[in-house]
PDB file of N, CA and C in Angstrom:
ATOM      1  N   MET A   1       0.551  -0.976   0.034  1.00  0.00           N
ATOM      2  CA  MET A   1       0.205  -0.266   0.034  1.00  0.00           C
ATOM      3  C   MET A   1       1.006   1.555   0.062  1.00  0.00           C
ATOM      4  N   ALA A   2       0.743   2.686  -0.642  1.00  0.00           N
ATOM      5  CA  ALA A   2       1.358   3.429  -1.039  1.00  0.00           C
ATOM      6  C   ALA A   2       0.625   4.121   0.510  1.00  0.00           C
ATOM      7  N   THR A   3       2.155   5.307   0.813  1.00  0.00           N
ATOM      8  CA  THR A   3       2.030   6.163   1.743  1.00  0.00           C
ATOM      9  C   THR A   3       1.666   7.161   1.506  1.00  0.00           C
ATOM     10  N   ASN A   4       1.387   8.156   2.394  1.00  0.00           N
ATOM     11  CA  ASN A   4       0.881   9.557   1.840  1.00  0.00           C
ATOM     12  C   ASN A   4       1.970  10.264   1.329  1.00  0.00           C
ATOM     13  N   ASN A   5       3.007   9.987   1.447  1.00  0.00           N
ATOM     14  CA  ASN A   5       4.633  10.487   0.920  1.00  0.00           C
ATOM     15  C   ASN A   5       4.572   9.980  -0.297  1.00  0.00           C
ATOM     16  N   ASP A   6       4.572   8.830  -0.290  1.00  0.00           N
ATOM     17  CA  ASP A   6       4.610   8.477  -2.047  1.00  0.00           C
ATOM     18  C   ASP A   6       3.837   8.696  -3.110  1.00  0.00           C
ATOM     19  N   VAL A   7       2.518   9.382  -2.390  1.00  0.00           N
ATOM     20  CA  VAL A   7       1.635   9.735  -3.710  1.00  0.00           C
ATOM     21  C   VAL A   7       1.966  10.725  -3.745  1.00  0.00           C
ATOM     22  N   HIS A   8       1.919  11.786  -2.553  1.00  0.00           N
ATOM     23  CA  HIS A   8       2.332  13.483  -2.852  1.00  0.00           C
ATOM     24  C   HIS A   8       3.342  13.126  -3.744  1.00  0.00           C
ATOM     25  N   SER A   9       4.574  12.128  -3.618  1.00  0.00           N
ATOM     26  CA  SER A   9       5.741  12.745  -4.586  1.00  0.00           C
ATOM     27  C   SER A   9       5.247  12.095  -5.816  1.00  0.00           C
ATOM     28  N   GLU A  10       4.678  11.365  -6.319  1.00  0.00           N
ATOM     29  CA  GLU A  10       4.287  10.881  -7.622  1.00  0.00           C
ATOM     30  C   GLU A  10       3.510  12.008  -8.187  1.00  0.00           C
ATOM     31  N   ILE A  11       2.638  12.543  -7.509  1.00  0.00           N
ATOM     32  CA  ILE A  11       1.467  13.831  -8.145  1.00  0.00           C
ATOM     33  C   ILE A  11       2.308  14.699  -8.359  1.00  0.00           C
ATOM     34  N   LEU A  12       2.707  14.901  -7.485  1.00  0.00           N
ATOM     35  CA  LEU A  12       3.639  16.361  -7.601  1.00  0.00           C
ATOM     36  C   LEU A  12       5.336  15.808  -8.557  1.00  0.00           C
ATOM     37  N   GLU A  13       6.034  14.789  -8.977  1.00  0.00           N
ATOM     38  CA  GLU A  13       6.635  14.251 -10.039  1.00  0.00           C
ATOM     39  C   GLU A  13       5.499  14.768 -11.371  1.00  0.00           C
ATOM     40  N   LEU A  14       4.293  14.203 -11.129  1.00  0.00           N
ATOM     41  CA  LEU A  14       3.630  14.005 -12.742  1.00  0.00           C
ATOM     42  C   LEU A  14       3.564  15.717 -13.304  1.00  0.00           C
ATOM     43  N   LEU A  15       3.229  16.328 -11.824  1.00  0.00           N
ATOM     44  CA  LEU A  15       2.834  17.682 -12.432  1.00  0.00           C
ATOM     45  C   LEU A  15       3.796  18.356 -13.070  1.00  0.00           C
ATOM     46  N   LEU A  16       5.336  18.302 -12.409  1.00  0.00           N
ATOM     47  CA  LEU A  16       6.664  19.132 -12.571  1.00  0.00           C
ATOM     48  C   LEU A  16       6.538  18.439 -14.206  1.00  0.00           C
ATOM     49  N   ALA A  17       6.268  17.890 -14.512  1.00  0.00           N
ATOM     50  CA  ALA A  17       7.056  17.213 -15.728  1.00  0.00           C
ATOM     51  C   ALA A  17       5.840  17.648 -16.748  1.00  0.00           C
ATOM     52  N   LYS A  18       4.672  17.584 -16.783  1.00  0.00           N
ATOM     53  CA  LYS A  18       3.405  18.124 -17.304  1.00  0.00           C
ATOM     54  C   LYS A  18       4.053  20.218 -17.451  1.00  0.00           C
ATOM     55  N   VAL A  19       3.832  20.435 -16.551  1.00  0.00           N
ATOM     56  CA  VAL A  19       4.539  22.212 -16.294  1.00  0.00           C
ATOM     57  C   VAL A  19       5.780  22.150 -17.327  1.00  0.00           C
ATOM     58  N   GLU A  20       6.613  21.354 -17.126  1.00  0.00           N
ATOM     59  CA  GLU A  20       7.960  21.392 -17.816  1.00  0.00           C
ATOM     60  C   GLU A  20       8.101  21.227 -19.301  1.00  0.00           C
ATOM     61  N   SER A  21       7.319  20.110 -19.463  1.00  0.00           N
ATOM     62  CA  SER A  21       6.760  19.611 -20.919  1.00  0.00           C
ATOM     63  C   SER A  21       6.172  20.655 -21.960  1.00  0.00           C
ATOM     64  N   ASP A  22       5.575  21.290 -21.146  1.00  0.00           N
ATOM     65  CA  ASP A  22       4.171  22.028 -21.885  1.00  0.00           C
ATOM     66  C   ASP A  22       5.073  23.775 -22.097  1.00  0.00           C
ATOM     67  N   ARG A  23       4.608  23.704 -23.421  1.00  0.00           N
ATOM     68  CA  ARG A  23       4.943  25.477 -23.814  1.00  0.00           C
ATOM     69  C   ARG A  23       4.904  26.427 -22.852  1.00  0.00           C
ATOM     70  N   PHE A  24       3.336  26.213 -22.807  1.00  0.00           N
ATOM     71  CA  PHE A  24       2.578  26.923 -22.170  1.00  0.00           C
ATOM     72  C   PHE A  24       1.952  25.854 -20.938  1.00  0.00           C
ATOM     73  N   PRO A  25       2.388  25.891 -19.801  1.00  0.00           N
ATOM     74  CA  PRO A  25       1.838  25.254 -18.761  1.00  0.00           C
ATOM     75  C   PRO A  25       0.474  25.512 -18.268  1.00  0.00           C
ATOM     76  N   SER A  26       0.040  24.796 -18.054  1.00  0.00           N
ATOM     77  CA  SER A  26      -1.955  25.131 -17.235  1.00  0.00           C
ATOM     78  C   SER A  26      -1.629  25.652 -16.178  1.00  0.00           C
ATOM     79  N   VAL A  27      -2.199  26.542 -16.016  1.00  0.00           N
ATOM     80  CA  VAL A  27      -2.511  27.615 -14.555  1.00  0.00           C
ATOM     81  C   VAL A  27      -2.699  26.624 -13.861  1.00  0.00           C
ATOM     82  N   THR A  28      -4.172  25.750 -13.878  1.00  0.00           N
ATOM     83  CA  THR A  28      -4.867  24.705 -12.793  1.00  0.00           C
ATOM     84  C   THR A  28      -3.429  24.031 -12.496  1.00  0.00           C
ATOM     85  N   GLN A  29      -2.437  23.455 -13.240  1.00  0.00           N
ATOM     86  CA  GLN A  29      -1.680  22.561 -12.982  1.00  0.00           C
ATOM     87  C   GLN A  29      -1.045  23.079 -12.400  1.00  0.00           C
ATOM     88  N   MET A  30      -0.429  24.194 -11.969  1.00  0.00           N
ATOM     89  CA  MET A  30       1.000  25.070 -11.646  1.00  0.00           C
ATOM     90  C   MET A  30       0.018  25.743  -9.990  1.00  0.00           C
ATOM     91  N   ASP A  31      -1.012  25.935 -10.218  1.00  0.00           N
ATOM     92  CA  ASP A  31      -2.413  26.153  -8.901  1.00  0.00           C
ATOM     93  C   ASP A  31      -2.239  24.764  -8.233  1.00  0.00           C
ATOM     94  N   MET A  32      -1.813  23.729  -8.496  1.00  0.00           N
ATOM     95  CA  MET A  32      -1.735  22.533  -8.006  1.00  0.00           C
ATOM     96  C   MET A  32      -0.626  22.400  -7.168  1.00  0.00           C
ATOM     97  N   ILE A  33       0.608  22.484  -8.170  1.00  0.00           N
ATOM     98  CA  ILE A  33       1.389  22.012  -7.415  1.00  0.00           C
ATOM     99  C   ILE A  33       1.986  22.870  -6.604  1.00  0.00           C
ATOM    100  N   GLU A  34       1.348  24.291  -6.787  1.00  0.00           N
ATOM    101  CA  GLU A  34       1.641  25.309  -5.531  1.00  0.00           C
ATOM    102  C   GLU A  34       0.998  25.100  -4.776  1.00  0.00           C
ATOM    103  N   LYS A  35      -0.018  24.525  -4.323  1.00  0.00           N
ATOM    104  CA  LYS A  35      -0.976  23.414  -2.970  1.00  0.00           C
ATOM    105  C   LYS A  35      -0.645  22.930  -2.464  1.00  0.00           C
ATOM    106  N   ILE A  36       0.632  22.140  -3.266  1.00  0.00           N
ATOM    107  CA  ILE A  36       0.621  21.109  -2.377  1.00  0.00           C
ATOM    108  C   ILE A  36       2.321  20.708  -2.184  1.00  0.00           C
ATOM    109  N   LEU A  37       3.096  22.151  -2.790  1.00  0.00           N
ATOM    110  CA  LEU A  37       4.655  22.183  -2.627  1.00  0.00           C
ATOM    111  C   LEU A  37       5.054  22.369  -1.201  1.00  0.00           C
ATOM    112  N   ARG A  38       6.075  21.382  -0.487  1.00  0.00           N
ATOM    113  CA  ARG A  38       6.714  21.390   0.486  1.00  0.00           C
ATOM    114  C   ARG A  38       8.177  22.162   0.336  1.00  0.00           C
ATOM    115  N   ASP A  39       8.532  22.461   1.390  1.00  0.00           N
ATOM    116  CA  ASP A  39       9.915  23.729   1.262  1.00  0.00           C
ATOM    117  C   ASP A  39      10.765  22.665   0.330  1.00  0.00           C
ATOM    118  N   GLU A  40      11.369  21.703   0.900  1.00  0.00           N
ATOM    119  CA  GLU A  40      12.265  21.065  -0.586  1.00  0.00           C
ATOM    120  C   GLU A  40      11.850  20.406  -1.464  1.00  0.00           C
ATOM    121  N   ASP A  41      10.672  20.963  -1.993  1.00  0.00           N
ATOM    122  CA  ASP A  41      10.290  21.152  -3.501  1.00  0.00           C
ATOM    123  C   ASP A  41      10.398  22.254  -4.119  1.00  0.00           C
ATOM    124  N   VAL A  42      10.178  23.450  -3.391  1.00  0.00           N
ATOM    125  CA  VAL A  42      10.319  25.090  -4.084  1.00  0.00           C
ATOM    126  C   VAL A  42      11.355  24.677  -4.842  1.00  0.00           C
ATOM    127  N   GLU A  43      12.434  24.562  -4.992  1.00  0.00           N
ATOM    128  CA  GLU A  43      13.915  24.948  -5.163  1.00  0.00           C
ATOM    129  C   GLU A  43      13.859  24.082  -7.004  1.00  0.00           C
ATOM    130  N   ASP A  44      13.124  22.894  -7.186  1.00  0.00           N
ATOM    131  CA  ASP A  44      13.050  22.175  -8.224  1.00  0.00           C
ATOM    132  C   ASP A  44      11.834  23.261  -9.406  1.00  0.00           C
ATOM    133  N   TYR A  45      11.174  23.341  -8.170  1.00  0.00           N
ATOM    134  CA  TYR A  45       9.563  23.621  -9.090  1.00  0.00           C
ATOM    135  C   TYR A  45       9.709  25.291  -9.607  1.00  0.00           C
ATOM    136  N   ALA A  46      10.870  25.936  -8.637  1.00  0.00           N
ATOM    137  CA  ALA A  46      11.114  27.563  -9.120  1.00  0.00           C
ATOM    138  C   ALA A  46      12.272  27.510 -10.260  1.00  0.00           C
ATOM    139  N   GLU A  47      13.187  26.226 -10.688  1.00  0.00           N
ATOM    140  CA  GLU A  47      14.130  25.966 -11.479  1.00  0.00           C
ATOM    141  C   GLU A  47      13.145  25.819 -12.925  1.00  0.00           C
ATOM    142  N   ILE A  48      12.458  24.694 -12.597  1.00  0.00           N
ATOM    143  CA  ILE A  48      11.363  24.937 -14.420  1.00  0.00           C
ATOM    144  C   ILE A  48      11.149  25.691 -14.600  1.00  0.00           C
ATOM    145  N   LEU A  49      10.356  26.985 -13.363  1.00  0.00           N
ATOM    146  CA  LEU A  49       9.634  28.329 -13.808  1.00  0.00           C
ATOM    147  C   LEU A  49      10.842  29.057 -14.634  1.00  0.00           C
ATOM    148  N   MET A  50      11.932  29.245 -13.839  1.00  0.00           N
ATOM    149  CA  MET A  50      12.601  30.267 -13.959  1.00  0.00           C
ATOM    150  C   MET A  50      13.562  30.016 -15.506  1.00  0.00           C
ATOM    151  N   ASP A  51      13.616  28.447 -15.973  1.00  0.00           N
ATOM    152  CA  ASP A  51      13.924  28.090 -17.162  1.00  0.00           C
ATOM    153  C   ASP A  51      12.907  28.331 -18.646  1.00  0.00           C
ATOM    154  N   LYS A  52      11.993  28.596 -18.258  1.00  0.00           N
ATOM    155  CA  LYS A  52      10.171  28.945 -19.054  1.00  0.00           C
ATOM    156  C   LYS A  52      10.836  30.488 -19.312  1.00  0.00           C
ATOM    157  N   VAL A  53      10.807  31.129 -18.157  1.00  0.00           N
ATOM    158  CA  VAL A  53      10.977  32.622 -18.209  1.00  0.00           C
ATOM    159  C   VAL A  53      12.533  32.867 -18.830  1.00  0.00           C
ATOM    160  N   ARG A  54      13.613  32.473 -18.765  1.00  0.00           N
ATOM    161  CA  ARG A  54      14.813  32.516 -19.470  1.00  0.00           C
ATOM    162  C   ARG A  54      14.905  32.435 -21.101  1.00  0.00           C
ATOM    163  N   ASN A  55      13.840  31.051 -21.706  1.00  0.00           N
ATOM    164  CA  ASN A  55      13.726  30.688 -22.804  1.00  0.00           C
ATOM    165  C   ASN A  55      12.903  31.563 -23.958  1.00  0.00           C
ATOM    166  N   ASP A  56      12.111  32.396 -23.413  1.00  0.00           N
ATOM    167  CA  ASP A  56      11.144  33.399 -24.048  1.00  0.00           C
ATOM    168  C   ASP A  56      11.125  34.433 -23.741  1.00  0.00           C
ATOM    169  N   THR A  57      11.217  34.917 -25.121  1.00  0.00           N
ATOM    170  CA  THR A  57      11.243  36.372 -24.994  1.00  0.00           C
ATOM    171  C   THR A  57      10.337  37.307 -25.000  1.00  0.00           C
ATOM    172  N   TYR A  58       9.124  36.760 -24.448  1.00  0.00           N
ATOM    173  CA  TYR A  58       8.477  37.537 -24.008  1.00  0.00           C
ATOM    174  C   TYR A  58       7.872  36.594 -22.668  1.00  0.00           C
ATOM    175  N   PRO A  59       8.144  36.718 -21.336  1.00  0.00           N
ATOM    176  CA  PRO A  59       8.187  35.499 -20.570  1.00  0.00           C
ATOM    177  C   PRO A  59       5.995  36.441 -20.217  1.00  0.00           C
ATOM    178  N   SER A  60       5.627  35.305 -19.815  1.00  0.00           N
ATOM    179  CA  SER A  60       4.283  34.808 -19.074  1.00  0.00           C
ATOM    180  C   SER A  60       4.577  35.814 -17.675  1.00  0.00           C
ATOM    181  N   LEU A  61       3.562  36.822 -17.750  1.00  0.00           N
ATOM    182  CA  LEU A  61       3.302  37.686 -16.712  1.00  0.00           C
ATOM    183  C   LEU A  61       3.054  36.577 -15.130  1.00  0.00           C
ATOM    184  N   ASP A  62       2.467  35.858 -15.697  1.00  0.00           N
ATOM    185  CA  ASP A  62       1.817  34.682 -14.682  1.00  0.00           C
ATOM    186  C   ASP A  62       3.358  34.028 -14.040  1.00  0.00           C
ATOM    187  N   LEU A  63       4.002  33.447 -15.120  1.00  0.00           N
ATOM    188  CA  LEU A  63       5.131  32.822 -14.394  1.00  0.00           C
ATOM    189  C   LEU A  63       6.044  33.997 -13.872  1.00  0.00           C
ATOM    190  N   LEU A  64       6.269  35.065 -14.051  1.00  0.00           N
ATOM    191  CA  LEU A  64       7.072  35.908 -13.514  1.00  0.00           C
ATOM    192  C   LEU A  64       6.521  36.206 -11.915  1.00  0.00           C
ATOM    193  N   ARG A  65       5.049  36.515 -12.097  1.00  0.00           N
ATOM    194  CA  ARG A  65       4.293  36.653 -10.692  1.00  0.00           C
ATOM    195  C   ARG A  65       5.293  35.516  -9.916  1.00  0.00           C
ATOM    196  N   ARG A  66       4.353  34.014 -10.543  1.00  0.00           N
ATOM    197  CA  ARG A  66       4.405  33.162  -8.979  1.00  0.00           C
ATOM    198  C   ARG A  66       6.032  32.909  -8.882  1.00  0.00           C
ATOM    199  N   LEU A  67       7.245  33.611  -9.875  1.00  0.00           N
ATOM    200  CA  LEU A  67       8.724  33.389  -9.255  1.00  0.00           C
ATOM    201  C   LEU A  67       8.857  34.205  -8.121  1.00  0.00           C
ATOM    202  N   LEU A  68       8.213  34.950  -8.553  1.00  0.00           N
ATOM    203  CA  LEU A  68       8.569  36.571  -7.404  1.00  0.00           C
ATOM    204  C   LEU A  68       7.615  36.256  -6.153  1.00  0.00           C
ATOM    205  N   ASN A  69       7.068  35.529  -5.903  1.00  0.00           N
ATOM    206  CA  ASN A  69       6.065  35.024  -4.836  1.00  0.00           C
ATOM    207  C   ASN A  69       7.339  33.893  -4.279  1.00  0.00           C
ATOM    208  N   PHE A  70       8.301  33.494  -4.536  1.00  0.00           N
ATOM    209  CA  PHE A  70       9.098  32.790  -4.176  1.00  0.00           C
ATOM    210  C   PHE A  70      10.339  33.513  -3.562  1.00  0.00           C
ATOM    211  N   ALA A  71      10.659  34.956  -4.140  1.00  0.00           N
ATOM    212  CA  ALA A  71      11.510  35.167  -4.068  1.00  0.00           C
ATOM    213  C   ALA A  71      11.798  35.810  -2.173  1.00  0.00           C
TER     214      ALA A  71
END
């Protein structure tokens, strides 16, 4: 039987992979990630968002605002 930690990790990993691979990540998925983020997960998530901002000529204001929330 899976523990709550296992389920949390699997859900978070799935959502992070989706946000990372999508050119225009789902706002709903990012909201879900931010709802379940633990302190130890913030760095990985922020790095995914920073990569998207770095690689886009006109980055999404939503992505920038989300990053600023972690600053």
